PDB file of N, CA and C in Angstrom:
ATOM      1  N   MET A   1     -93.177  86.209 -44.822  1.00  0.00           N
ATOM      2  CA  MET A   1     -92.290  87.275 -45.234  1.00  0.00           C
ATOM      3  C   MET A   1     -91.065  87.319 -44.327  1.00  0.00           C
ATOM      4  N   ALA A   2     -90.261  86.313 -44.373  1.00  0.00           N
ATOM      5  CA  ALA A   2     -89.090  86.232 -43.509  1.00  0.00           C
ATOM      6  C   ALA A   2     -88.131  87.394 -43.749  1.00  0.00           C
ATOM      7  N   TRP A   3     -88.060  87.892 -44.974  1.00  0.00           N
ATOM      8  CA  TRP A   3     -87.132  88.965 -45.288  1.00  0.00           C
ATOM      9  C   TRP A   3     -87.583  90.305 -44.732  1.00  0.00           C
ATOM     10  N   ALA A   4     -88.846  90.439 -44.361  1.00  0.00           N
ATOM     11  CA  ALA A   4     -89.362  91.732 -43.919  1.00  0.00           C
ATOM     12  C   ALA A   4     -88.695  92.208 -42.641  1.00  0.00           C
ATOM     13  N   GLY A   5     -88.411  91.301 -41.719  1.00  0.00           N
ATOM     14  CA  GLY A   5     -87.763  91.708 -40.481  1.00  0.00           C
ATOM     15  C   GLY A   5     -86.394  92.300 -40.734  1.00  0.00           C
ATOM     16  N   GLY A   6     -85.668  91.756 -41.727  1.00  0.00           N
ATOM     17  CA  GLY A   6     -84.346  92.277 -42.038  1.00  0.00           C
ATOM     18  C   GLY A   6     -84.401  93.652 -42.657  1.00  0.00           C
ATOM     19  N   LEU A   7     -85.195  93.815 -43.717  1.00  0.00           N
ATOM     20  CA  LEU A   7     -85.298  95.120 -44.353  1.00  0.00           C
ATOM     21  C   LEU A   7     -86.061  96.096 -43.474  1.00  0.00           C
ATOM     22  N   GLY A   8     -86.937  95.601 -42.623  1.00  0.00           N
ATOM     23  CA  GLY A   8     -87.710  96.474 -41.749  1.00  0.00           C
ATOM     24  C   GLY A   8     -86.918  96.984 -40.563  1.00  0.00           C
ATOM     25  N   SER A   9     -85.713  96.483 -40.394  1.00  0.00           N
ATOM     26  CA  SER A   9     -84.878  96.927 -39.282  1.00  0.00           C
ATOM     27  C   SER A   9     -84.120  98.191 -39.675  1.00  0.00           C
ATOM     28  N   ALA A  10     -83.598  98.888 -38.679  1.00  0.00           N
ATOM     29  CA  ALA A  10     -82.812 100.082 -38.951  1.00  0.00           C
ATOM     30  C   ALA A  10     -81.586  99.721 -39.787  1.00  0.00           C
ATOM     31  N   ARG A  11     -80.939  98.600 -39.474  1.00  0.00           N
ATOM     32  CA  ARG A  11     -79.754  98.185 -40.235  1.00  0.00           C
ATOM     33  C   ARG A  11     -80.133  97.842 -41.676  1.00  0.00           C
ATOM     34  N   GLY A  12     -81.260  97.163 -41.841  1.00  0.00           N
ATOM     35  CA  GLY A  12     -81.733  96.852 -43.182  1.00  0.00           C
ATOM     36  C   GLY A  12     -82.008  98.111 -43.981  1.00  0.00           C
ATOM     37  N   ALA A  13     -82.579  99.114 -43.321  1.00  0.00           N
ATOM     38  CA  ALA A  13     -82.852 100.381 -43.998  1.00  0.00           C
ATOM     39  C   ALA A  13     -81.558 101.072 -44.391  1.00  0.00           C
ATOM     40  N   GLU A  14     -80.545 101.022 -43.505  1.00  0.00           N
ATOM     41  CA  GLU A  14     -79.255 101.620 -43.829  1.00  0.00           C
ATOM     42  C   GLU A  14     -78.641 100.957 -45.058  1.00  0.00           C
ATOM     43  N   LEU A  15     -78.699  99.624 -45.095  1.00  0.00           N
ATOM     44  CA  LEU A  15     -78.140  98.890 -46.235  1.00  0.00           C
ATOM     45  C   LEU A  15     -78.897  99.229 -47.520  1.00  0.00           C
ATOM     46  N   LEU A  16     -80.207  99.336 -47.409  1.00  0.00           N
ATOM     47  CA  LEU A  16     -81.027  99.662 -48.570  1.00  0.00           C
ATOM     48  C   LEU A  16     -80.657 101.039 -49.106  1.00  0.00           C
ATOM     49  N   LEU A  17     -80.569 102.020 -48.220  1.00  0.00           N
ATOM     50  CA  LEU A  17     -80.255 103.384 -48.640  1.00  0.00           C
ATOM     51  C   LEU A  17     -78.840 103.488 -49.206  1.00  0.00           C
ATOM     52  N   ALA A  18     -77.942 102.653 -48.718  1.00  0.00           N
ATOM     53  CA  ALA A  18     -76.561 102.674 -49.203  1.00  0.00           C
ATOM     54  C   ALA A  18     -76.402 101.866 -50.486  1.00  0.00           C
ATOM     55  N   GLY A  19     -77.472 101.216 -50.933  1.00  0.00           N
ATOM     56  CA  GLY A  19     -77.415 100.416 -52.145  1.00  0.00           C
ATOM     57  C   GLY A  19     -76.672  99.111 -51.949  1.00  0.00           C
ATOM     58  N   LYS A  20     -76.614  98.618 -50.706  1.00  0.00           N
ATOM     59  CA  LYS A  20     -75.863  97.393 -50.417  1.00  0.00           C
ATOM     60  C   LYS A  20     -76.756  96.183 -50.206  1.00  0.00           C
ATOM     61  N   THR A  21     -77.999  96.305 -50.614  1.00  0.00           N
ATOM     62  CA  THR A  21     -78.893  95.160 -50.552  1.00  0.00           C
ATOM     63  C   THR A  21     -79.597  95.032 -51.893  1.00  0.00           C
ATOM     64  N   ALA A  22     -79.968  93.839 -52.245  1.00  0.00           N
ATOM     65  CA  ALA A  22     -80.522  93.581 -53.572  1.00  0.00           C
ATOM     66  C   ALA A  22     -82.048  93.591 -53.568  1.00  0.00           C
ATOM     67  N   ALA A  23     -82.642  94.449 -52.785  1.00  0.00           N
ATOM     68  CA  ALA A  23     -84.096  94.534 -52.740  1.00  0.00           C
ATOM     69  C   ALA A  23     -84.611  95.129 -54.045  1.00  0.00           C
ATOM     70  N   SER A  24     -85.555  94.439 -54.646  1.00  0.00           N
ATOM     71  CA  SER A  24     -86.148  94.947 -55.884  1.00  0.00           C
ATOM     72  C   SER A  24     -87.191  96.008 -55.544  1.00  0.00           C
ATOM     73  N   ALA A  25     -87.570  96.766 -56.538  1.00  0.00           N
ATOM     74  CA  ALA A  25     -88.622  97.766 -56.345  1.00  0.00           C
ATOM     75  C   ALA A  25     -89.907  97.095 -55.870  1.00  0.00           C
ATOM     76  N   GLU A  26     -90.188  95.910 -56.400  1.00  0.00           N
ATOM     77  CA  GLU A  26     -91.389  95.177 -55.996  1.00  0.00           C
ATOM     78  C   GLU A  26     -91.327  94.810 -54.508  1.00  0.00           C
ATOM     79  N   THR A  27     -90.157  94.371 -54.045  1.00  0.00           N
ATOM     80  CA  THR A  27     -89.988  94.027 -52.640  1.00  0.00           C
ATOM     81  C   THR A  27     -90.194  95.250 -51.758  1.00  0.00           C
ATOM     82  N   ILE A  28     -89.609  96.370 -52.169  1.00  0.00           N
ATOM     83  CA  ILE A  28     -89.733  97.599 -51.390  1.00  0.00           C
ATOM     84  C   ILE A  28     -91.181  98.052 -51.326  1.00  0.00           C
ATOM     85  N   LEU A  29     -91.878  98.039 -52.450  1.00  0.00           N
ATOM     86  CA  LEU A  29     -93.286  98.446 -52.450  1.00  0.00           C
ATOM     87  C   LEU A  29     -94.130  97.493 -51.611  1.00  0.00           C
ATOM     88  N   THR A  30     -93.818  96.201 -51.666  1.00  0.00           N
ATOM     89  CA  THR A  30     -94.538  95.231 -50.844  1.00  0.00           C
ATOM     90  C   THR A  30     -94.359  95.561 -49.373  1.00  0.00           C
ATOM     91  N   LEU A  31     -93.148  95.908 -48.972  1.00  0.00           N
ATOM     92  CA  LEU A  31     -92.886  96.275 -47.578  1.00  0.00           C
ATOM     93  C   LEU A  31     -93.630  97.543 -47.188  1.00  0.00           C
ATOM     94  N   ILE A  32     -93.562  98.549 -48.046  1.00  0.00           N
ATOM     95  CA  ILE A  32     -94.188  99.825 -47.722  1.00  0.00           C
ATOM     96  C   ILE A  32     -95.686  99.656 -47.482  1.00  0.00           C
ATOM     97  N   PHE A  33     -96.328  98.851 -48.303  1.00  0.00           N
ATOM     98  CA  PHE A  33     -97.772  98.719 -48.195  1.00  0.00           C
ATOM     99  C   PHE A  33     -98.221  97.503 -47.390  1.00  0.00           C
ATOM    100  N   HIS A  34     -97.266  96.804 -46.773  1.00  0.00           N
ATOM    101  CA  HIS A  34     -97.603  95.651 -45.953  1.00  0.00           C
ATOM    102  C   HIS A  34     -98.305  96.141 -44.683  1.00  0.00           C
ATOM    103  N   PRO A  35     -99.428  95.511 -44.291  1.00  0.00           N
ATOM    104  CA  PRO A  35    -100.190  95.998 -43.144  1.00  0.00           C
ATOM    105  C   PRO A  35     -99.438  95.935 -41.815  1.00  0.00           C
ATOM    106  N   VAL A  36     -98.470  95.047 -41.692  1.00  0.00           N
ATOM    107  CA  VAL A  36     -97.734  94.927 -40.429  1.00  0.00           C
ATOM    108  C   VAL A  36     -96.389  95.645 -40.502  1.00  0.00           C
ATOM    109  N   HIS A  37     -95.652  95.449 -41.588  1.00  0.00           N
ATOM    110  CA  HIS A  37     -94.293  95.952 -41.669  1.00  0.00           C
ATOM    111  C   HIS A  37     -94.170  97.321 -42.339  1.00  0.00           C
ATOM    112  N   GLY A  38     -95.198  97.801 -42.983  1.00  0.00           N
ATOM    113  CA  GLY A  38     -95.096  99.031 -43.765  1.00  0.00           C
ATOM    114  C   GLY A  38     -94.635 100.241 -42.993  1.00  0.00           C
ATOM    115  N   ARG A  39     -95.345 100.564 -41.919  1.00  0.00           N
ATOM    116  CA  ARG A  39     -94.969 101.749 -41.133  1.00  0.00           C
ATOM    117  C   ARG A  39     -93.585 101.573 -40.521  1.00  0.00           C
ATOM    118  N   ARG A  40     -93.297 100.392 -40.004  1.00  0.00           N
ATOM    119  CA  ARG A  40     -91.989 100.162 -39.389  1.00  0.00           C
ATOM    120  C   ARG A  40     -90.870 100.328 -40.422  1.00  0.00           C
ATOM    121  N   PHE A  41     -91.099  99.830 -41.611  1.00  0.00           N
ATOM    122  CA  PHE A  41     -90.099  99.958 -42.669  1.00  0.00           C
ATOM    123  C   PHE A  41     -89.833 101.426 -42.985  1.00  0.00           C
ATOM    124  N   LEU A  42     -90.884 102.208 -43.160  1.00  0.00           N
ATOM    125  CA  LEU A  42     -90.709 103.626 -43.461  1.00  0.00           C
ATOM    126  C   LEU A  42     -90.025 104.353 -42.314  1.00  0.00           C
ATOM    127  N   VAL A  43     -90.389 104.023 -41.081  1.00  0.00           N
ATOM    128  CA  VAL A  43     -89.756 104.643 -39.923  1.00  0.00           C
ATOM    129  C   VAL A  43     -88.272 104.293 -39.889  1.00  0.00           C
ATOM    130  N   ALA A  44     -87.945 103.031 -40.163  1.00  0.00           N
ATOM    131  CA  ALA A  44     -86.542 102.605 -40.159  1.00  0.00           C
ATOM    132  C   ALA A  44     -85.759 103.330 -41.251  1.00  0.00           C
ATOM    133  N   VAL A  45     -86.353 103.470 -42.420  1.00  0.00           N
ATOM    134  CA  VAL A  45     -85.688 104.177 -43.513  1.00  0.00           C
ATOM    135  C   VAL A  45     -85.432 105.626 -43.119  1.00  0.00           C
ATOM    136  N   MET A  46     -86.429 106.272 -42.572  1.00  0.00           N
ATOM    137  CA  MET A  46     -86.282 107.675 -42.218  1.00  0.00           C
ATOM    138  C   MET A  46     -85.289 107.867 -41.076  1.00  0.00           C
ATOM    139  N   ALA A  47     -85.259 106.952 -40.133  1.00  0.00           N
ATOM    140  CA  ALA A  47     -84.317 107.062 -39.023  1.00  0.00           C
ATOM    141  C   ALA A  47     -82.882 106.857 -39.501  1.00  0.00           C
ATOM    142  N   ALA A  48     -82.703 106.033 -40.534  1.00  0.00           N
ATOM    143  CA  ALA A  48     -81.363 105.726 -41.034  1.00  0.00           C
ATOM    144  C   ALA A  48     -80.861 106.756 -42.042  1.00  0.00           C
ATOM    145  N   ALA A  49     -81.764 107.413 -42.715  1.00  0.00           N
ATOM    146  CA  ALA A  49     -81.388 108.311 -43.803  1.00  0.00           C
ATOM    147  C   ALA A  49     -80.768 109.601 -43.291  1.00  0.00           C
ATOM    148  N   ASP A  50     -79.678 110.001 -43.905  1.00  0.00           N
ATOM    149  CA  ASP A  50     -79.061 111.280 -43.561  1.00  0.00           C
ATOM    150  C   ASP A  50     -78.313 111.787 -44.779  1.00  0.00           C
ATOM    151  N   PRO A  51     -78.781 112.737 -45.521  1.00  0.00           N
ATOM    152  CA  PRO A  51     -80.077 113.377 -45.348  1.00  0.00           C
ATOM    153  C   PRO A  51     -81.215 112.502 -45.875  1.00  0.00           C
ATOM    154  N   VAL A  52     -82.409 112.874 -45.534  1.00  0.00           N
ATOM    155  CA  VAL A  52     -83.577 112.115 -45.963  1.00  0.00           C
ATOM    156  C   VAL A  52     -83.795 112.332 -47.463  1.00  0.00           C
ATOM    157  N   PRO A  53     -83.802 111.238 -48.248  1.00  0.00           N
ATOM    158  CA  PRO A  53     -84.036 111.392 -49.693  1.00  0.00           C
ATOM    159  C   PRO A  53     -85.444 111.940 -49.966  1.00  0.00           C
ATOM    160  N   PRO A  54     -85.584 112.810 -50.968  1.00  0.00           N
ATOM    161  CA  PRO A  54     -86.892 113.387 -51.280  1.00  0.00           C
ATOM    162  C   PRO A  54     -87.962 112.325 -51.542  1.00  0.00           C
ATOM    163  N   TYR A  55     -87.601 111.212 -52.165  1.00  0.00           N
ATOM    164  CA  TYR A  55     -88.570 110.157 -52.456  1.00  0.00           C
ATOM    165  C   TYR A  55     -89.193 109.620 -51.171  1.00  0.00           C
ATOM    166  N   TRP A  56     -88.353 109.358 -50.157  1.00  0.00           N
ATOM    167  CA  TRP A  56     -88.868 108.840 -48.886  1.00  0.00           C
ATOM    168  C   TRP A  56     -89.676 109.899 -48.156  1.00  0.00           C
ATOM    169  N   ARG A  57     -89.239 111.153 -48.260  1.00  0.00           N
ATOM    170  CA  ARG A  57     -89.984 112.243 -47.612  1.00  0.00           C
ATOM    171  C   ARG A  57     -91.406 112.300 -48.185  1.00  0.00           C
ATOM    172  N   GLU A  58     -91.522 112.139 -49.497  1.00  0.00           N
ATOM    173  CA  GLU A  58     -92.839 112.151 -50.138  1.00  0.00           C
ATOM    174  C   GLU A  58     -93.684 110.961 -49.689  1.00  0.00           C
ATOM    175  N   LEU A  59     -93.058 109.790 -49.581  1.00  0.00           N
ATOM    176  CA  LEU A  59     -93.796 108.617 -49.091  1.00  0.00           C
ATOM    177  C   LEU A  59     -94.322 108.855 -47.684  1.00  0.00           C
ATOM    178  N   LEU A  60     -93.496 109.459 -46.841  1.00  0.00           N
ATOM    179  CA  LEU A  60     -93.927 109.725 -45.474  1.00  0.00           C
ATOM    180  C   LEU A  60     -95.088 110.717 -45.446  1.00  0.00           C
ATOM    181  N   LYS A  61     -95.043 111.697 -46.328  1.00  0.00           N
ATOM    182  CA  LYS A  61     -96.168 112.638 -46.399  1.00  0.00           C
ATOM    183  C   LYS A  61     -97.457 111.881 -46.713  1.00  0.00           C
ATOM    184  N   GLN A  62     -97.364 110.914 -47.622  1.00  0.00           N
ATOM    185  CA  GLN A  62     -98.545 110.142 -47.985  1.00  0.00           C
ATOM    186  C   GLN A  62     -99.049 109.330 -46.797  1.00  0.00           C
ATOM    187  N   PHE A  63     -98.135 108.914 -45.925  1.00  0.00           N
ATOM    188  CA  PHE A  63     -98.522 108.141 -44.753  1.00  0.00           C
ATOM    189  C   PHE A  63     -98.763 109.038 -43.543  1.00  0.00           C
ATOM    190  N   GLU A  64     -98.679 110.366 -43.754  1.00  0.00           N
ATOM    191  CA  GLU A  64     -98.917 111.352 -42.715  1.00  0.00           C
ATOM    192  C   GLU A  64     -98.000 111.149 -41.510  1.00  0.00           C
ATOM    193  N   LEU A  65     -96.734 110.897 -41.777  1.00  0.00           N
ATOM    194  CA  LEU A  65     -95.733 110.779 -40.722  1.00  0.00           C
ATOM    195  C   LEU A  65     -94.928 112.070 -40.705  1.00  0.00           C
ATOM    196  N   SER A  66     -95.055 112.845 -39.662  1.00  0.00           N
ATOM    197  CA  SER A  66     -94.342 114.118 -39.621  1.00  0.00           C
ATOM    198  C   SER A  66     -93.368 114.181 -38.444  1.00  0.00           C
ATOM    199  N   GLU A  67     -93.009 113.035 -37.881  1.00  0.00           N
ATOM    200  CA  GLU A  67     -92.120 113.009 -36.740  1.00  0.00           C
ATOM    201  C   GLU A  67     -90.720 113.482 -37.118  1.00  0.00           C
ATOM    202  N   THR A  68     -90.009 114.013 -36.124  1.00  0.00           N
ATOM    203  CA  THR A  68     -88.618 114.383 -36.348  1.00  0.00           C
ATOM    204  C   THR A  68     -87.774 113.119 -36.387  1.00  0.00           C
ATOM    205  N   ARG A  69     -86.534 113.257 -36.818  1.00  0.00           N
ATOM    206  CA  ARG A  69     -85.634 112.102 -36.908  1.00  0.00           C
ATOM    207  C   ARG A  69     -85.462 111.435 -35.534  1.00  0.00           C
ATOM    208  N   ALA A  70     -85.309 112.218 -34.465  1.00  0.00           N
ATOM    209  CA  ALA A  70     -85.152 111.639 -33.123  1.00  0.00           C
ATOM    210  C   ALA A  70     -86.413 110.870 -32.720  1.00  0.00           C
ATOM    211  N   GLN A  71     -87.575 111.425 -33.030  1.00  0.00           N
ATOM    212  CA  GLN A  71     -88.828 110.735 -32.717  1.00  0.00           C
ATOM    213  C   GLN A  71     -88.935 109.446 -33.523  1.00  0.00           C
ATOM    214  N   LEU A  72     -88.499 109.478 -34.786  1.00  0.00           N
ATOM    215  CA  LEU A  72     -88.551 108.287 -35.627  1.00  0.00           C
ATOM    216  C   LEU A  72     -87.628 107.203 -35.082  1.00  0.00           C
ATOM    217  N   ARG A  73     -86.440 107.601 -34.628  1.00  0.00           N
ATOM    218  CA  ARG A  73     -85.525 106.617 -34.049  1.00  0.00           C
ATOM    219  C   ARG A  73     -86.129 105.991 -32.799  1.00  0.00           C
ATOM    220  N   ALA A  74     -86.737 106.824 -31.948  1.00  0.00           N
ATOM    221  CA  ALA A  74     -87.366 106.311 -30.726  1.00  0.00           C
ATOM    222  C   ALA A  74     -88.526 105.378 -31.076  1.00  0.00           C
ATOM    223  N   LEU A  75     -89.323 105.762 -32.070  1.00  0.00           N
ATOM    224  CA  LEU A  75     -90.438 104.915 -32.490  1.00  0.00           C
ATOM    225  C   LEU A  75     -89.927 103.592 -33.052  1.00  0.00           C
ATOM    226  N   ASN A  76     -88.855 103.636 -33.820  1.00  0.00           N
ATOM    227  CA  ASN A  76     -88.287 102.421 -34.383  1.00  0.00           C
ATOM    228  C   ASN A  76     -87.817 101.486 -33.266  1.00  0.00           C
ATOM    229  N   LYS A  77     -87.138 102.031 -32.255  1.00  0.00           N
ATOM    230  CA  LYS A  77     -86.680 101.213 -31.127  1.00  0.00           C
ATOM    231  C   LYS A  77     -87.870 100.590 -30.405  1.00  0.00           C
ATOM    232  N   ARG A  78     -88.921 101.371 -30.217  1.00  0.00           N
ATOM    233  CA  ARG A  78     -90.105 100.856 -29.537  1.00  0.00           C
ATOM    234  C   ARG A  78     -90.769  99.745 -30.346  1.00  0.00           C
ATOM    235  N   LEU A  79     -90.833  99.933 -31.669  1.00  0.00           N
ATOM    236  CA  LEU A  79     -91.418  98.902 -32.522  1.00  0.00           C
ATOM    237  C   LEU A  79     -90.607  97.608 -32.453  1.00  0.00           C
ATOM    238  N   VAL A  80     -89.285  97.727 -32.388  1.00  0.00           N
ATOM    239  CA  VAL A  80     -88.434  96.544 -32.269  1.00  0.00           C
ATOM    240  C   VAL A  80     -88.722  95.843 -30.945  1.00  0.00           C
ATOM    241  N   ARG A  81     -88.814  96.604 -29.855  1.00  0.00           N
ATOM    242  CA  ARG A  81     -89.107  96.007 -28.538  1.00  0.00           C
ATOM    243  C   ARG A  81     -90.479  95.330 -28.551  1.00  0.00           C
ATOM    244  N   LEU A  82     -91.450  95.960 -29.184  1.00  0.00           N
ATOM    245  CA  LEU A  82     -92.788  95.369 -29.260  1.00  0.00           C
ATOM    246  C   LEU A  82     -92.748  94.055 -30.017  1.00  0.00           C
ATOM    247  N   GLU A  83     -92.012  94.040 -31.127  1.00  0.00           N
ATOM    248  CA  GLU A  83     -91.892  92.813 -31.918  1.00  0.00           C
ATOM    249  C   GLU A  83     -91.230  91.702 -31.122  1.00  0.00           C
ATOM    250  N   GLU A  84     -90.287  92.081 -30.275  1.00  0.00           N
ATOM    251  CA  GLU A  84     -89.556  91.087 -29.495  1.00  0.00           C
ATOM    252  C   GLU A  84     -90.295  90.728 -28.204  1.00  0.00           C
ATOM    253  N   GLY A  85     -91.450  91.354 -27.985  1.00  0.00           N
ATOM    254  CA  GLY A  85     -92.273  91.027 -26.830  1.00  0.00           C
ATOM    255  C   GLY A  85     -91.796  91.625 -25.530  1.00  0.00           C
ATOM    256  N   GLU A  86     -90.983  92.676 -25.593  1.00  0.00           N
ATOM    257  CA  GLU A  86     -90.461  93.288 -24.383  1.00  0.00           C
ATOM    258  C   GLU A  86     -91.437  94.279 -23.767  1.00  0.00           C
ATOM    259  N   GLU A  87     -92.430  94.738 -24.526  1.00  0.00           N
ATOM    260  CA  GLU A  87     -93.419  95.671 -24.011  1.00  0.00           C
ATOM    261  C   GLU A  87     -94.797  95.047 -24.135  1.00  0.00           C
ATOM    262  N   ALA A  88     -95.656  95.426 -23.219  1.00  0.00           N
ATOM    263  CA  ALA A  88     -97.031  94.894 -23.256  1.00  0.00           C
ATOM    264  C   ALA A  88     -97.870  95.663 -24.245  1.00  0.00           C
TER     265      ALA A  88
END
């Protein structure tokens, strides 16, 4: 899933929300339910969204994510560092 890192990033989420990426609904659902990238993708979307679209808010409720936007941004940064091997 080479494309997952791009859409799973904060920048990828911004592009997705702005409608500037050609991700299909199938691709998005695959990311959301992917065992490795799913949570990171949702966190990136929520951190990038302003305001948060109701659809994403509902998805987060299903995943029991109730963090504030600042917490989501911090979590997204930490997930990026973990992926890059900067944290143990």
